[in-house]
Amino acid sequence: MTLVPVAVFAAAAVLEVAGDALIRAGLRGRGVAFVAAGFAVLGSYGIVVNLLNVDFSRLLGAYVGIFAVVSVLVGRFYFGDQVPVSTWLGLLVVLGGSLIIHFGAR
């Protein structure tokens, strides 16, 4: 995988996690404007992730690994979640699956 797809995946993951975080904040008392902003950010994630010219199943299969990493890191460092060892191990399994999907038979 070259640097461009990794950068696109990372940008898409940040947008997806940020959109969900905005919706979460809106539903937990910050108001409907946060929910609306979350919808807009989630929509932009969909555009960014699909900029790559890759088969849909391979695209999202590989993307899921990057998304999972960003999700766990945001949960840990932004929301202050205590991430158990089982989650870190599960993250390794997800990353392994993403690699198999992306680099498997074409």
C-alpha atoms as a PDB file:
ATOM      1  CA  MET A   1       0.000   0.000   0.000  1.00  0.00           C
ATOM      2  CA  THR A   2       1.431   3.380  -0.978  1.00  0.00           C
ATOM      3  CA  LEU A   3       1.324   6.552   1.053  1.00  0.00           C
ATOM      4  CA  VAL A   4      -1.662   8.076  -0.809  1.00  0.00           C
ATOM      5  CA  PRO A   5      -4.183   5.328   0.057  1.00  0.00           C
ATOM      6  CA  VAL A   6      -2.992   5.291   3.667  1.00  0.00           C
ATOM      7  CA  ALA A   7      -3.438   9.079   3.858  1.00  0.00           C
ATOM      8  CA  VAL A   8      -6.918   8.847   2.292  1.00  0.00           C
ATOM      9  CA  PHE A   9      -7.879   6.047   4.695  1.00  0.00           C
ATOM     10  CA  ALA A  10      -6.556   8.032   7.669  1.00  0.00           C
ATOM     11  CA  ALA A  11      -8.439  11.185   6.613  1.00  0.00           C
ATOM     12  CA  ALA A  12     -11.637   9.192   6.090  1.00  0.00           C
ATOM     13  CA  ALA A  13     -11.255   7.504   9.481  1.00  0.00           C
ATOM     14  CA  VAL A  14     -10.754  10.842  11.237  1.00  0.00           C
ATOM     15  CA  LEU A  15     -13.879  12.201   9.532  1.00  0.00           C
ATOM     16  CA  GLU A  16     -15.926   9.122  10.419  1.00  0.00           C
ATOM     17  CA  VAL A  17     -14.826   9.108  14.054  1.00  0.00           C
ATOM     18  CA  ALA A  18     -15.276  12.887  14.350  1.00  0.00           C
ATOM     19  CA  GLY A  19     -18.769  12.674  12.837  1.00  0.00           C
ATOM     20  CA  ASP A  20     -19.770   9.968  15.275  1.00  0.00           C
ATOM     21  CA  ALA A  21     -18.238  11.934  18.178  1.00  0.00           C
ATOM     22  CA  LEU A  22     -20.259  15.011  17.195  1.00  0.00           C
ATOM     23  CA  ILE A  23     -23.477  12.980  17.049  1.00  0.00           C
ATOM     24  CA  ARG A  24     -22.635  11.389  20.404  1.00  0.00           C
ATOM     25  CA  ALA A  25     -22.067  14.825  21.961  1.00  0.00           C
ATOM     26  CA  GLY A  26     -25.300  16.122  20.458  1.00  0.00           C
ATOM     27  CA  LEU A  27     -27.329  13.239  21.807  1.00  0.00           C
ATOM     28  CA  ARG A  28     -25.736  13.658  25.225  1.00  0.00           C
ATOM     29  CA  GLY A  29     -26.782  17.253  25.751  1.00  0.00           C
ATOM     30  CA  ARG A  30     -24.814  19.447  23.335  1.00  0.00           C
ATOM     31  CA  GLY A  31     -27.845  19.873  21.088  1.00  0.00           C
ATOM     32  CA  VAL A  32     -29.190  19.266  17.632  1.00  0.00           C
ATOM     33  CA  ALA A  33     -26.507  21.434  15.966  1.00  0.00           C
ATOM     34  CA  PHE A  34     -23.879  18.862  16.980  1.00  0.00           C
ATOM     35  CA  VAL A  35     -26.007  16.051  15.556  1.00  0.00           C
ATOM     36  CA  ALA A  36     -26.423  17.970  12.288  1.00  0.00           C
ATOM     37  CA  ALA A  37     -22.697  18.698  12.102  1.00  0.00           C
ATOM     38  CA  GLY A  38     -22.031  15.008  12.726  1.00  0.00           C
ATOM     39  CA  PHE A  39     -24.244  14.081   9.780  1.00  0.00           C
ATOM     40  CA  ALA A  40     -22.311  16.470   7.525  1.00  0.00           C
ATOM     41  CA  VAL A  41     -18.941  15.145   8.662  1.00  0.00           C
ATOM     42  CA  LEU A  42     -20.069  11.531   8.232  1.00  0.00           C
ATOM     43  CA  GLY A  43     -21.237  12.353   4.721  1.00  0.00           C
ATOM     44  CA  SER A  44     -17.846  13.823   3.882  1.00  0.00           C
ATOM     45  CA  TYR A  45     -16.190  10.633   5.131  1.00  0.00           C
ATOM     46  CA  GLY A  46     -18.179   8.721   2.513  1.00  0.00           C
ATOM     47  CA  ILE A  47     -16.869  10.959  -0.229  1.00  0.00           C
ATOM     48  CA  VAL A  48     -13.234  10.805   0.936  1.00  0.00           C
ATOM     49  CA  VAL A  49     -13.078   7.017   1.389  1.00  0.00           C
ATOM     50  CA  ASN A  50     -14.477   6.501  -2.102  1.00  0.00           C
ATOM     51  CA  LEU A  51     -11.866   8.702  -3.804  1.00  0.00           C
ATOM     52  CA  LEU A  52      -9.658   5.641  -4.229  1.00  0.00           C
ATOM     53  CA  ASN A  53     -10.174   3.534  -7.337  1.00  0.00           C
ATOM     54  CA  VAL A  54     -10.284   0.166  -5.558  1.00  0.00           C
ATOM     55  CA  ASP A  55     -12.899  -2.614  -5.637  1.00  0.00           C
ATOM     56  CA  PHE A  56     -15.564  -1.752  -3.060  1.00  0.00           C
ATOM     57  CA  SER A  57     -15.119  -4.882  -0.915  1.00  0.00           C
ATOM     58  CA  ARG A  58     -11.328  -4.518  -0.837  1.00  0.00           C
ATOM     59  CA  LEU A  59     -11.631  -0.778  -0.207  1.00  0.00           C
ATOM     60  CA  LEU A  60     -13.829  -1.070   2.858  1.00  0.00           C
ATOM     61  CA  GLY A  61     -12.171  -4.270   4.056  1.00  0.00           C
ATOM     62  CA  ALA A  62      -8.813  -2.512   4.184  1.00  0.00           C
ATOM     63  CA  TYR A  63     -10.334   0.720   5.524  1.00  0.00           C
ATOM     64  CA  VAL A  64     -11.927  -1.012   8.496  1.00  0.00           C
ATOM     65  CA  GLY A  65      -8.483  -1.671   9.979  1.00  0.00           C
ATOM     66  CA  ILE A  66      -7.487   2.002   9.850  1.00  0.00           C
ATOM     67  CA  PHE A  67     -10.901   3.026  11.179  1.00  0.00           C
ATOM     68  CA  ALA A  68     -10.584   0.593  14.096  1.00  0.00           C
ATOM     69  CA  VAL A  69      -7.171   1.991  15.066  1.00  0.00           C
ATOM     70  CA  VAL A  70      -8.378   5.599  14.928  1.00  0.00           C
ATOM     71  CA  SER A  71     -11.530   4.703  16.882  1.00  0.00           C
ATOM     72  CA  VAL A  72      -9.652   3.034  19.713  1.00  0.00           C
ATOM     73  CA  LEU A  73      -7.058   5.818  19.894  1.00  0.00           C
ATOM     74  CA  VAL A  74      -9.717   8.558  19.955  1.00  0.00           C
ATOM     75  CA  GLY A  75     -11.635   6.658  22.610  1.00  0.00           C
ATOM     76  CA  ARG A  76      -8.496   6.311  24.691  1.00  0.00           C
ATOM     77  CA  PHE A  77      -6.923   9.751  24.319  1.00  0.00           C
ATOM     78  CA  TYR A  78      -9.867  12.073  23.605  1.00  0.00           C
ATOM     79  CA  PHE A  79     -12.695  10.482  25.564  1.00  0.00           C
ATOM     80  CA  GLY A  80     -10.433   9.021  28.267  1.00  0.00           C
ATOM     81  CA  ASP A  81     -11.724   5.464  27.843  1.00  0.00           C
ATOM     82  CA  GLN A  82      -9.881   2.737  29.685  1.00  0.00           C
ATOM     83  CA  VAL A  83      -9.143   0.359  26.834  1.00  0.00           C
ATOM     84  CA  PRO A  84      -8.857  -3.245  28.063  1.00  0.00           C
ATOM     85  CA  VAL A  85      -6.254  -5.666  26.771  1.00  0.00           C
ATOM     86  CA  SER A  86      -9.001  -7.622  25.014  1.00  0.00           C
ATOM     87  CA  THR A  87      -9.768  -4.575  22.861  1.00  0.00           C
ATOM     88  CA  TRP A  88      -6.099  -4.194  21.870  1.00  0.00           C
ATOM     89  CA  LEU A  89      -5.999  -7.900  20.988  1.00  0.00           C
ATOM     90  CA  GLY A  90      -9.219  -7.589  19.006  1.00  0.00           C
ATOM     91  CA  LEU A  91      -7.713  -4.623  17.192  1.00  0.00           C
ATOM     92  CA  LEU A  92      -4.805  -6.818  16.118  1.00  0.00           C
ATOM     93  CA  VAL A  93      -7.271  -9.384  14.768  1.00  0.00           C
ATOM     94  CA  VAL A  94      -9.130  -6.678  12.822  1.00  0.00           C
ATOM     95  CA  LEU A  95      -5.857  -5.364  11.385  1.00  0.00           C
ATOM     96  CA  GLY A  96      -4.864  -8.883  10.372  1.00  0.00           C
ATOM     97  CA  GLY A  97      -8.180  -9.338   8.605  1.00  0.00           C
ATOM     98  CA  SER A  98      -7.813  -6.011   6.824  1.00  0.00           C
ATOM     99  CA  LEU A  99      -4.371  -7.002   5.563  1.00  0.00           C
ATOM    100  CA  ILE A 100      -5.690 -10.331   4.300  1.00  0.00           C
ATOM    101  CA  ILE A 101      -8.555  -8.585   2.489  1.00  0.00           C
ATOM    102  CA  HIS A 102      -6.365  -5.911   0.948  1.00  0.00           C
ATOM    103  CA  PHE A 103      -3.403  -8.018  -0.075  1.00  0.00           C
ATOM    104  CA  GLY A 104      -5.223 -11.297  -0.788  1.00  0.00           C
ATOM    105  CA  ALA A 105      -5.940 -12.766  -4.196  1.00  0.00           C
ATOM    106  CA  ARG A 106      -7.014 -10.146  -6.691  1.00  0.00           C
END
